[in-house]
Protein backbone atom coordinates (compact mmCIF):
# COMPACT_ATOMS: atom_id res chain seq x y z
CA MET A 1 0.00 0.00 0.00
CA GLU A 2 2.80 2.45 0.78
CA SER A 3 4.29 1.87 -2.67
CA LEU A 4 0.91 2.31 -4.35
CA ARG A 5 0.19 5.50 -2.44
CA SER A 6 3.60 6.91 -3.30
CA ASN A 7 3.05 6.14 -6.98
CA ALA A 8 -0.38 7.78 -6.87
CA LEU A 9 1.00 10.95 -5.26
CA ALA A 10 3.78 11.09 -7.85
CA GLN A 11 1.78 10.17 -10.96
CA ARG A 12 -1.79 11.43 -10.61
CA PRO A 13 -2.24 14.35 -13.08
CA ASP A 14 -4.98 15.96 -10.97
CA LEU A 15 -2.61 16.15 -8.00
CA LYS A 16 0.12 17.64 -10.17
CA ALA A 17 -2.33 20.24 -11.44
CA LEU A 18 -3.27 21.24 -7.90
CA GLU A 19 0.40 21.38 -6.88
CA ASN A 20 1.09 23.72 -9.81
CA ARG A 21 -1.80 25.94 -8.69
CA VAL A 22 -0.32 26.13 -5.20
CA LYS A 23 3.06 27.14 -6.66
CA ALA A 24 1.39 29.77 -8.83
CA GLU A 25 -0.35 31.29 -5.80
CA GLU A 26 2.93 31.25 -3.85
CA ASN A 27 4.60 33.13 -6.71
CA ALA A 28 1.75 35.64 -6.64
CA LEU A 29 2.41 36.16 -2.92
CA LEU A 30 6.09 36.81 -3.59
CA LEU A 31 5.15 39.45 -6.15
CA ALA A 32 2.77 41.07 -3.67
CA LEU A 33 5.50 41.19 -1.04
CA ARG A 34 7.91 42.80 -3.49
CA ASP A 35 5.62 45.82 -3.68
CA PHE A 36 6.71 46.71 -0.13
CA TYR A 37 10.29 47.32 -1.28
CA PRO A 38 11.26 50.75 -2.70
CA ASP A 39 11.37 50.84 -6.47
CA ALA A 40 14.67 52.41 -7.49
CA GLU A 41 15.53 53.46 -11.05
CA VAL A 42 19.00 54.63 -12.11
CA THR A 43 19.23 57.10 -15.01
CA ALA A 44 22.21 58.32 -17.00
CA ALA A 45 22.57 61.03 -19.62
CA TYR A 46 25.14 63.06 -21.56
CA ASP A 47 23.76 66.55 -21.67
CA SER A 48 24.35 70.12 -20.65
CA ILE A 49 23.39 71.28 -17.18
CA MET A 50 20.74 73.94 -17.17
CA GLY A 51 20.34 76.31 -14.22
CA ASN A 52 19.96 79.97 -13.28
CA GLY A 53 23.35 80.79 -14.68
CA PRO A 54 24.76 80.22 -18.12
CA ALA A 55 24.55 76.73 -19.59
CA ARG A 56 27.51 74.55 -18.95
CA ASP A 57 29.26 72.29 -21.40
CA LEU A 58 28.00 68.76 -22.09
CA ALA A 59 28.81 66.30 -19.33
CA PHE A 60 27.80 62.90 -18.06
CA GLN A 61 24.91 62.94 -15.59
CA VAL A 62 23.81 60.11 -13.28
CA GLY A 63 20.61 60.14 -11.24
CA VAL A 64 18.52 57.85 -9.02
CA ARG A 65 14.74 57.84 -8.93
CA ILE A 66 13.08 56.13 -5.93
CA ASN A 67 9.39 55.29 -5.65
CA LEU A 68 8.55 54.81 -1.96
CA PRO A 69 5.66 52.45 -1.09
CA VAL A 70 3.43 54.73 0.93
CA ARG A 71 0.01 53.28 0.10
CA MET A 72 0.20 50.36 2.53
CA GLY A 73 -3.50 49.54 2.62
CA ARG A 74 -3.65 48.37 -0.98
CA ARG A 75 -0.44 46.36 -0.61
CA ASN A 76 -1.60 44.72 2.63
CA GLY A 77 -4.85 43.77 0.94
CA ALA A 78 -3.00 42.17 -1.97
CA VAL A 79 -0.83 40.14 0.41
CA ALA A 80 -3.82 38.99 2.43
CA GLU A 81 -5.65 37.95 -0.73
CA ALA A 82 -2.63 36.01 -2.00
CA ARG A 83 -2.26 34.19 1.32
CA ALA A 84 -5.96 33.33 1.36
CA LYS A 85 -5.68 31.84 -2.13
CA ILE A 86 -2.67 29.78 -1.05
CA ALA A 87 -4.61 28.42 1.93
CA GLN A 88 -7.54 27.58 -0.34
CA ARG A 89 -5.37 25.78 -2.89
CA ARG A 90 -3.55 23.85 -0.18
CA ALA A 91 -6.87 22.79 1.34
CA GLU A 92 -8.01 21.60 -2.09
CA LEU A 93 -4.76 19.67 -2.52
CA ASP A 94 -5.02 18.06 0.92
CA GLY A 95 -8.61 17.06 0.25
CA ARG A 96 -7.71 15.54 -3.10
CA VAL A 97 -4.76 13.67 -1.57
CA ASN A 98 -7.07 12.11 1.03
CA GLN A 99 -9.53 11.20 -1.71
CA VAL A 100 -6.80 9.60 -3.83
CA GLN A 101 -5.49 7.59 -0.90
CA PHE A 102 -9.00 6.29 -0.22
CA GLN A 103 -9.45 5.35 -3.87
CA VAL A 104 -6.13 3.49 -3.89
CA GLN A 105 -6.98 1.65 -0.66
CA GLU A 106 -10.42 0.65 -1.94
CA ALA A 107 -9.17 -0.48 -5.35
CA TYR A 108 -6.32 -2.45 -3.76
CA GLU A 109 -8.62 -4.30 -1.37
CA GLN A 110 -10.99 -5.17 -4.21
CA LEU A 111 -8.11 -6.49 -6.29
CA VAL A 112 -6.81 -8.61 -3.42
CA GLU A 113 -10.31 -10.03 -2.99
CA SER A 114 -10.46 -10.98 -6.68
CA GLU A 115 -7.03 -12.56 -6.45
CA ARG A 116 -8.15 -14.69 -3.52
CA ILE A 117 -11.25 -15.79 -5.41
CA LEU A 118 -9.18 -16.88 -8.41
CA VAL A 119 -6.81 -18.82 -6.18
CA LEU A 120 -9.79 -20.46 -4.50
CA TYR A 121 -11.18 -21.56 -7.86
CA ASP A 122 -7.79 -22.77 -9.05
CA LYS A 123 -6.72 -24.62 -5.91
CA THR A 124 -9.99 -25.85 -4.40
CA ILE A 125 -13.26 -25.42 -6.30
CA LEU A 126 -12.29 -26.56 -9.80
CA PRO A 127 -10.14 -29.51 -8.66
CA ALA A 128 -13.02 -30.73 -6.49
CA ALA A 129 -15.45 -30.41 -9.39
CA ARG A 130 -13.11 -32.35 -11.70
CA GLU A 131 -12.74 -35.08 -9.11
CA ASN A 132 -16.52 -35.24 -8.87
CA VAL A 133 -16.75 -35.69 -12.66
CA ASN A 134 -14.11 -38.42 -12.61
CA ALA A 135 -15.87 -40.19 -9.76
CA ALA A 136 -19.23 -39.96 -11.52
CA GLN A 137 -17.71 -41.25 -14.72
CA SER A 138 -16.14 -44.22 -12.92
CA ALA A 139 -19.39 -44.96 -11.11
CA TYR A 140 -21.33 -44.78 -14.37
CA THR A 141 -18.86 -47.09 -16.09
CA THR A 142 -19.27 -49.68 -13.36
CA GLY A 143 -23.03 -49.23 -13.37
CA LYS A 144 -23.25 -47.79 -9.85
CA THR A 145 -24.86 -44.47 -10.88
CA PRO A 146 -27.14 -43.48 -13.76
CA PHE A 147 -26.01 -41.43 -16.73
CA LEU A 148 -27.88 -38.38 -15.43
CA SER A 149 -25.53 -38.22 -12.43
CA LEU A 150 -22.55 -37.97 -14.78
CA ILE A 151 -24.29 -35.28 -16.82
CA GLU A 152 -25.07 -33.32 -13.65
CA ALA A 153 -21.46 -33.50 -12.49
CA GLN A 154 -20.21 -32.29 -15.87
CA ARG A 155 -22.80 -29.51 -15.93
CA ASN A 156 -21.68 -28.39 -12.48
CA LEU A 157 -18.05 -28.26 -13.64
CA VAL A 158 -18.97 -26.21 -16.72
CA SER A 159 -20.96 -23.78 -14.54
CA LEU A 160 -18.04 -23.36 -12.14
CA ARG A 161 -15.65 -22.76 -15.04
CA ASP A 162 -17.96 -20.05 -16.35
CA ARG A 163 -17.96 -18.40 -12.93
CA ASN A 164 -14.19 -18.65 -12.90
CA TYR A 165 -14.01 -16.83 -16.24
CA GLU A 166 -16.31 -14.13 -14.86
CA ALA A 167 -14.07 -13.82 -11.80
CA THR A 168 -11.05 -13.50 -14.11
CA ALA A 169 -12.72 -10.72 -16.09
CA ASP A 170 -13.62 -8.99 -12.84
CA TYR A 171 -10.00 -9.33 -11.72
CA PHE A 172 -8.71 -7.48 -14.78
CA ARG A 173 -11.36 -4.78 -14.37
CA ARG A 174 -10.13 -4.24 -10.83
CA VAL A 175 -6.53 -4.14 -12.06
CA ALA A 176 -7.58 -1.34 -14.41
CA ASN A 177 -9.38 0.45 -11.55
CA LEU A 178 -6.27 0.30 -9.38
CA GLU A 179 -4.09 1.56 -12.23
CA ARG A 180 -6.47 4.49 -12.70
CA ALA A 181 -6.32 5.17 -8.97
CA ILE A 182 -2.51 5.34 -8.93
CA GLY A 183 -2.27 7.11 -12.29
CA GLY A 184 -0.12 4.50 -14.02
CA PRO A 185 0.78 0.81 -14.33
CA LEU A 186 1.07 -1.36 -11.26
CA PRO A 187 4.53 -1.63 -9.71
CA ARG A 188 4.11 -5.43 -9.57
CA PRO A 189 4.38 -6.90 -13.09
CA ASP A 190 3.88 -10.40 -11.67
CA MET A 191 0.27 -9.70 -10.68
CA ALA A 192 -1.68 -12.05 -12.94
CA PRO A 193 -4.42 -14.61 -12.41
CA PRO A 194 -3.78 -18.36 -12.60
CA PRO A 195 -3.93 -20.05 -16.04
CA GLN A 196 -7.44 -20.91 -17.18
CA GLU A 197 -8.68 -24.34 -18.17
CA ASP A 198 -10.44 -24.72 -21.52
CA SER A 199 -12.04 -28.13 -21.20
CA ILE A 200 -13.90 -30.32 -18.76
CA ASN A 201 -10.88 -32.63 -18.57
CA GLY A 202 -8.71 -29.84 -17.19
CA ARG A 203 -6.43 -28.97 -20.11
CA VAL A 204 -4.53 -25.75 -19.36
CA ASP A 205 -3.91 -22.99 -21.91
């Protein structure tokens, strides 16, 4: 589960989108804070100096223009708004993270349940049904049971195999659900159901 959750947090595109929104709001806060610093502008020119007296010869001139932030109310409002947006985006991200973790947990538990069902069919249910068919066939050959008993045993095996195929299809649907929950392929490439039988006699694909 820890590996699946880590993959989901790293791969889910909706989480990445929310993280980018948080970063964008944090950058907006930095810009709002920069408005509190004086805005200085350096100027240079090569010109004559004009004054009350006669004009002087051309000379280099250097000046500094400073814009002092005196309207603090507007700047404080911008900072407060930026911080409120950051809190909102972070709350949205935390809520989505909790939702993703729940989805991963739910999908994982459903997949484990399907895996157990397939193992149960492969190790217990189908072998018992095949043994029942073999026993019914032997009993019919020796005349101990009627032909209908053999037919019923074979019908029961076919029905169980059909349910096994349905459980296999459900398994792969749950694999897809878990991959959607984590935003990518499963980290366990060995997760696969047991081989399926394609005949009443138990031949394996």
